[in-house]
Amino acid sequence: NVRLQFDLAASIQGQAVLEFRRRRFDAAAGLLSESLTLFDAGLTASPESREQRFNYAQTLAWQGRVEAARGRPRDGVAALQRAVAIYAEPEVSAR
């Protein structure tokens, strides 16, 4: 079920944010990777979901913050650039 996949991806992203706030950056990075994998699979099955594209972009933005905190600024910038590109899509920004 794609809806459950998106819900799980969002829940895992929430866990990653908590780990980030606890300054457990490696744990947050692992959780974000898991969340992005679920979002990728869900969006492959349901690419028209602009709400989920927005949530995917939010997860990428968090990945950018986490990578910067891990001392990997290039990876952080790359993730943020991917997020901005998705946010800029008209159907996503109009959600």
N, C-alpha and C. Protein backbone atom coordinates (compact mmCIF):
# COMPACT_ATOMS: atom_id res chain seq x y z
N ASN A 1 0.84 -1.18 0.00
CA ASN A 1 0.00 0.00 0.00
C ASN A 1 0.89 1.25 0.00
N VAL A 2 0.75 2.05 -1.02
CA VAL A 2 1.60 3.24 -1.18
C VAL A 2 1.35 4.25 -0.07
N ARG A 3 0.12 4.41 0.34
CA ARG A 3 -0.21 5.38 1.41
C ARG A 3 0.53 5.01 2.70
N LEU A 4 0.52 3.74 3.04
CA LEU A 4 1.24 3.30 4.24
C LEU A 4 2.74 3.51 4.10
N GLN A 5 3.25 3.33 2.90
CA GLN A 5 4.67 3.55 2.63
C GLN A 5 5.03 5.02 2.88
N PHE A 6 4.19 5.93 2.40
CA PHE A 6 4.42 7.35 2.64
C PHE A 6 4.31 7.68 4.12
N ASP A 7 3.34 7.09 4.79
CA ASP A 7 3.19 7.34 6.24
C ASP A 7 4.41 6.86 7.01
N LEU A 8 4.93 5.69 6.64
CA LEU A 8 6.12 5.17 7.30
C LEU A 8 7.33 6.07 7.02
N ALA A 9 7.46 6.52 5.78
CA ALA A 9 8.57 7.42 5.42
C ALA A 9 8.52 8.69 6.25
N ALA A 10 7.32 9.24 6.43
CA ALA A 10 7.16 10.47 7.23
C ALA A 10 7.47 10.21 8.69
N SER A 11 7.05 9.07 9.22
CA SER A 11 7.33 8.74 10.62
C SER A 11 8.83 8.59 10.86
N ILE A 12 9.50 7.94 9.92
CA ILE A 12 10.95 7.76 10.05
C ILE A 12 11.65 9.10 9.95
N GLN A 13 11.16 9.97 9.07
CA GLN A 13 11.74 11.32 8.99
C GLN A 13 11.59 12.03 10.33
N GLY A 14 10.45 11.89 10.97
CA GLY A 14 10.24 12.49 12.29
C GLY A 14 11.22 11.96 13.32
N GLN A 15 11.50 10.67 13.28
CA GLN A 15 12.50 10.09 14.17
C GLN A 15 13.87 10.69 13.90
N ALA A 16 14.17 10.89 12.63
CA ALA A 16 15.47 11.47 12.25
C ALA A 16 15.62 12.88 12.80
N VAL A 17 14.55 13.65 12.75
CA VAL A 17 14.58 15.01 13.28
C VAL A 17 14.86 14.98 14.78
N LEU A 18 14.24 14.06 15.49
CA LEU A 18 14.50 13.92 16.93
C LEU A 18 15.96 13.57 17.19
N GLU A 19 16.51 12.66 16.39
CA GLU A 19 17.92 12.31 16.55
C GLU A 19 18.82 13.51 16.26
N PHE A 20 18.46 14.28 15.25
CA PHE A 20 19.23 15.49 14.93
C PHE A 20 19.22 16.44 16.12
N ARG A 21 18.07 16.65 16.71
CA ARG A 21 17.97 17.57 17.85
C ARG A 21 18.71 17.06 19.07
N ARG A 22 18.91 15.75 19.14
CA ARG A 22 19.71 15.14 20.21
C ARG A 22 21.20 15.13 19.86
N ARG A 23 21.51 15.68 18.68
CA ARG A 23 22.88 15.76 18.18
C ARG A 23 23.46 14.38 17.88
N ARG A 24 22.57 13.46 17.53
CA ARG A 24 22.98 12.12 17.12
C ARG A 24 22.90 12.07 15.60
N PHE A 25 23.88 12.72 14.98
CA PHE A 25 23.83 12.99 13.56
C PHE A 25 23.96 11.73 12.69
N ASP A 26 24.77 10.78 13.11
CA ASP A 26 24.89 9.55 12.31
C ASP A 26 23.59 8.77 12.33
N ALA A 27 22.94 8.70 13.48
CA ALA A 27 21.65 8.02 13.56
C ALA A 27 20.62 8.73 12.70
N ALA A 28 20.63 10.05 12.75
CA ALA A 28 19.69 10.83 11.92
C ALA A 28 19.94 10.57 10.44
N ALA A 29 21.20 10.52 10.04
CA ALA A 29 21.54 10.28 8.63
C ALA A 29 21.01 8.92 8.17
N GLY A 30 21.18 7.91 9.00
CA GLY A 30 20.69 6.57 8.64
C GLY A 30 19.17 6.54 8.49
N LEU A 31 18.49 7.19 9.41
CA LEU A 31 17.03 7.24 9.34
C LEU A 31 16.55 8.02 8.11
N LEU A 32 17.23 9.12 7.80
CA LEU A 32 16.84 9.89 6.62
C LEU A 32 17.06 9.09 5.35
N SER A 33 18.11 8.33 5.30
CA SER A 33 18.37 7.48 4.14
C SER A 33 17.23 6.47 3.97
N GLU A 34 16.82 5.89 5.08
CA GLU A 34 15.70 4.93 5.05
C GLU A 34 14.41 5.62 4.59
N SER A 35 14.16 6.80 5.11
CA SER A 35 12.97 7.55 4.73
C SER A 35 12.98 7.89 3.24
N LEU A 36 14.11 8.35 2.75
CA LEU A 36 14.22 8.71 1.33
C LEU A 36 14.02 7.50 0.43
N THR A 37 14.50 6.34 0.85
CA THR A 37 14.29 5.12 0.08
C THR A 37 12.80 4.80 -0.03
N LEU A 38 12.09 4.94 1.08
CA LEU A 38 10.64 4.70 1.06
C LEU A 38 9.92 5.73 0.20
N PHE A 39 10.31 7.00 0.33
CA PHE A 39 9.70 8.03 -0.52
C PHE A 39 9.97 7.75 -1.99
N ASP A 40 11.20 7.37 -2.33
CA ASP A 40 11.54 7.07 -3.73
C ASP A 40 10.63 5.97 -4.28
N ALA A 41 10.47 4.90 -3.51
CA ALA A 41 9.63 3.79 -3.96
C ALA A 41 8.17 4.23 -4.09
N GLY A 42 7.69 4.99 -3.12
CA GLY A 42 6.31 5.46 -3.17
C GLY A 42 6.06 6.40 -4.33
N LEU A 43 7.01 7.27 -4.58
CA LEU A 43 6.84 8.23 -5.68
C LEU A 43 6.98 7.56 -7.05
N THR A 44 7.70 6.46 -7.10
CA THR A 44 7.76 5.69 -8.34
C THR A 44 6.38 5.10 -8.64
N ALA A 45 5.71 4.63 -7.60
CA ALA A 45 4.37 4.04 -7.76
C ALA A 45 3.29 5.10 -7.92
N SER A 46 3.51 6.28 -7.33
CA SER A 46 2.48 7.33 -7.34
C SER A 46 3.13 8.70 -7.58
N PRO A 47 3.67 8.92 -8.79
CA PRO A 47 4.44 10.14 -9.05
C PRO A 47 3.62 11.43 -9.04
N GLU A 48 2.32 11.34 -9.14
CA GLU A 48 1.49 12.55 -9.20
C GLU A 48 1.21 13.17 -7.83
N SER A 49 1.65 12.54 -6.79
CA SER A 49 1.35 13.03 -5.44
C SER A 49 2.21 14.24 -5.08
N ARG A 50 1.66 15.44 -5.26
CA ARG A 50 2.44 16.65 -4.98
C ARG A 50 2.68 16.82 -3.48
N GLU A 51 1.74 16.37 -2.65
CA GLU A 51 1.96 16.44 -1.20
C GLU A 51 3.17 15.61 -0.80
N GLN A 52 3.29 14.44 -1.39
CA GLN A 52 4.41 13.57 -1.05
C GLN A 52 5.71 14.07 -1.66
N ARG A 53 5.65 14.74 -2.81
CA ARG A 53 6.86 15.36 -3.36
C ARG A 53 7.34 16.45 -2.42
N PHE A 54 6.40 17.20 -1.84
CA PHE A 54 6.75 18.23 -0.87
C PHE A 54 7.41 17.58 0.36
N ASN A 55 6.82 16.51 0.85
CA ASN A 55 7.39 15.80 2.01
C ASN A 55 8.77 15.22 1.69
N TYR A 56 8.92 14.73 0.46
CA TYR A 56 10.21 14.23 0.01
C TYR A 56 11.24 15.36 0.04
N ALA A 57 10.86 16.52 -0.45
CA ALA A 57 11.76 17.68 -0.43
C ALA A 57 12.12 18.08 1.00
N GLN A 58 11.16 18.01 1.90
CA GLN A 58 11.45 18.32 3.31
C GLN A 58 12.48 17.35 3.86
N THR A 59 12.36 16.09 3.49
CA THR A 59 13.31 15.08 3.97
C THR A 59 14.70 15.36 3.40
N LEU A 60 14.76 15.76 2.15
CA LEU A 60 16.06 16.14 1.56
C LEU A 60 16.65 17.35 2.28
N ALA A 61 15.81 18.31 2.64
CA ALA A 61 16.30 19.49 3.36
C ALA A 61 16.88 19.08 4.71
N TRP A 62 16.20 18.17 5.40
CA TRP A 62 16.76 17.67 6.66
C TRP A 62 18.07 16.93 6.42
N GLN A 63 18.13 16.18 5.34
CA GLN A 63 19.38 15.49 5.02
C GLN A 63 20.51 16.51 4.84
N GLY A 64 20.20 17.64 4.22
CA GLY A 64 21.20 18.70 4.06
C GLY A 64 21.69 19.22 5.39
N ARG A 65 20.78 19.45 6.30
CA ARG A 65 21.16 19.93 7.64
C ARG A 65 22.03 18.91 8.37
N VAL A 66 21.61 17.65 8.28
CA VAL A 66 22.34 16.59 8.98
C VAL A 66 23.75 16.45 8.40
N GLU A 67 23.85 16.44 7.08
CA GLU A 67 25.18 16.28 6.48
C GLU A 67 26.10 17.45 6.83
N ALA A 68 25.56 18.64 6.88
CA ALA A 68 26.37 19.79 7.30
C ALA A 68 26.83 19.60 8.74
N ALA A 69 25.93 19.13 9.60
CA ALA A 69 26.29 18.90 11.01
C ALA A 69 27.32 17.79 11.16
N ARG A 70 27.33 16.86 10.23
CA ARG A 70 28.32 15.77 10.25
C ARG A 70 29.66 16.19 9.67
N GLY A 71 29.76 17.46 9.27
CA GLY A 71 31.01 17.95 8.70
C GLY A 71 31.17 17.63 7.24
N ARG A 72 30.04 17.44 6.56
CA ARG A 72 30.05 17.11 5.13
C ARG A 72 29.27 18.17 4.37
N PRO A 73 29.81 19.40 4.31
CA PRO A 73 29.06 20.51 3.73
C PRO A 73 28.69 20.31 2.26
N ARG A 74 29.54 19.68 1.49
CA ARG A 74 29.21 19.47 0.06
C ARG A 74 27.99 18.57 -0.10
N ASP A 75 27.95 17.51 0.71
CA ASP A 75 26.79 16.63 0.66
C ASP A 75 25.55 17.37 1.16
N GLY A 76 25.73 18.21 2.16
CA GLY A 76 24.62 18.99 2.67
C GLY A 76 24.07 19.95 1.64
N VAL A 77 24.94 20.63 0.95
CA VAL A 77 24.52 21.58 -0.09
C VAL A 77 23.83 20.82 -1.23
N ALA A 78 24.36 19.68 -1.60
CA ALA A 78 23.76 18.90 -2.68
C ALA A 78 22.33 18.48 -2.33
N ALA A 79 22.12 18.04 -1.10
CA ALA A 79 20.79 17.64 -0.66
C ALA A 79 19.85 18.84 -0.64
N LEU A 80 20.33 19.97 -0.17
CA LEU A 80 19.50 21.17 -0.14
C LEU A 80 19.16 21.65 -1.55
N GLN A 81 20.10 21.53 -2.47
CA GLN A 81 19.82 21.91 -3.86
C GLN A 81 18.75 21.01 -4.46
N ARG A 82 18.81 19.73 -4.16
CA ARG A 82 17.76 18.82 -4.65
C ARG A 82 16.41 19.21 -4.07
N ALA A 83 16.39 19.56 -2.78
CA ALA A 83 15.15 19.96 -2.13
C ALA A 83 14.58 21.22 -2.79
N VAL A 84 15.42 22.21 -3.01
CA VAL A 84 14.97 23.46 -3.61
C VAL A 84 14.41 23.22 -5.01
N ALA A 85 15.05 22.34 -5.77
CA ALA A 85 14.56 22.04 -7.12
C ALA A 85 13.15 21.45 -7.07
N ILE A 86 12.89 20.60 -6.10
CA ILE A 86 11.55 20.02 -5.96
C ILE A 86 10.57 21.06 -5.48
N TYR A 87 10.96 21.86 -4.49
CA TYR A 87 10.08 22.93 -4.01
C TYR A 87 9.69 23.88 -5.14
N ALA A 88 10.59 24.07 -6.11
CA ALA A 88 10.35 25.02 -7.20
C ALA A 88 9.37 24.48 -8.25
N GLU A 89 9.08 23.20 -8.22
CA GLU A 89 8.13 22.65 -9.17
C GLU A 89 6.76 23.26 -8.90
N PRO A 90 6.10 23.77 -9.93
CA PRO A 90 4.82 24.48 -9.71
C PRO A 90 3.77 23.64 -8.97
N GLU A 91 3.66 22.39 -9.33
CA GLU A 91 2.66 21.56 -8.68
C GLU A 91 2.98 21.25 -7.22
N VAL A 92 4.25 21.35 -6.86
CA VAL A 92 4.65 21.10 -5.48
C VAL A 92 4.47 22.35 -4.64
N SER A 93 4.91 23.48 -5.17
CA SER A 93 4.82 24.73 -4.41
C SER A 93 3.39 25.20 -4.24
N ALA A 94 2.48 24.71 -5.05
CA ALA A 94 1.07 25.12 -4.96
C ALA A 94 0.27 24.22 -4.03
N ARG A 95 0.94 23.32 -3.35
CA ARG A 95 0.21 22.36 -2.53
C ARG A 95 -0.54 23.09 -1.48
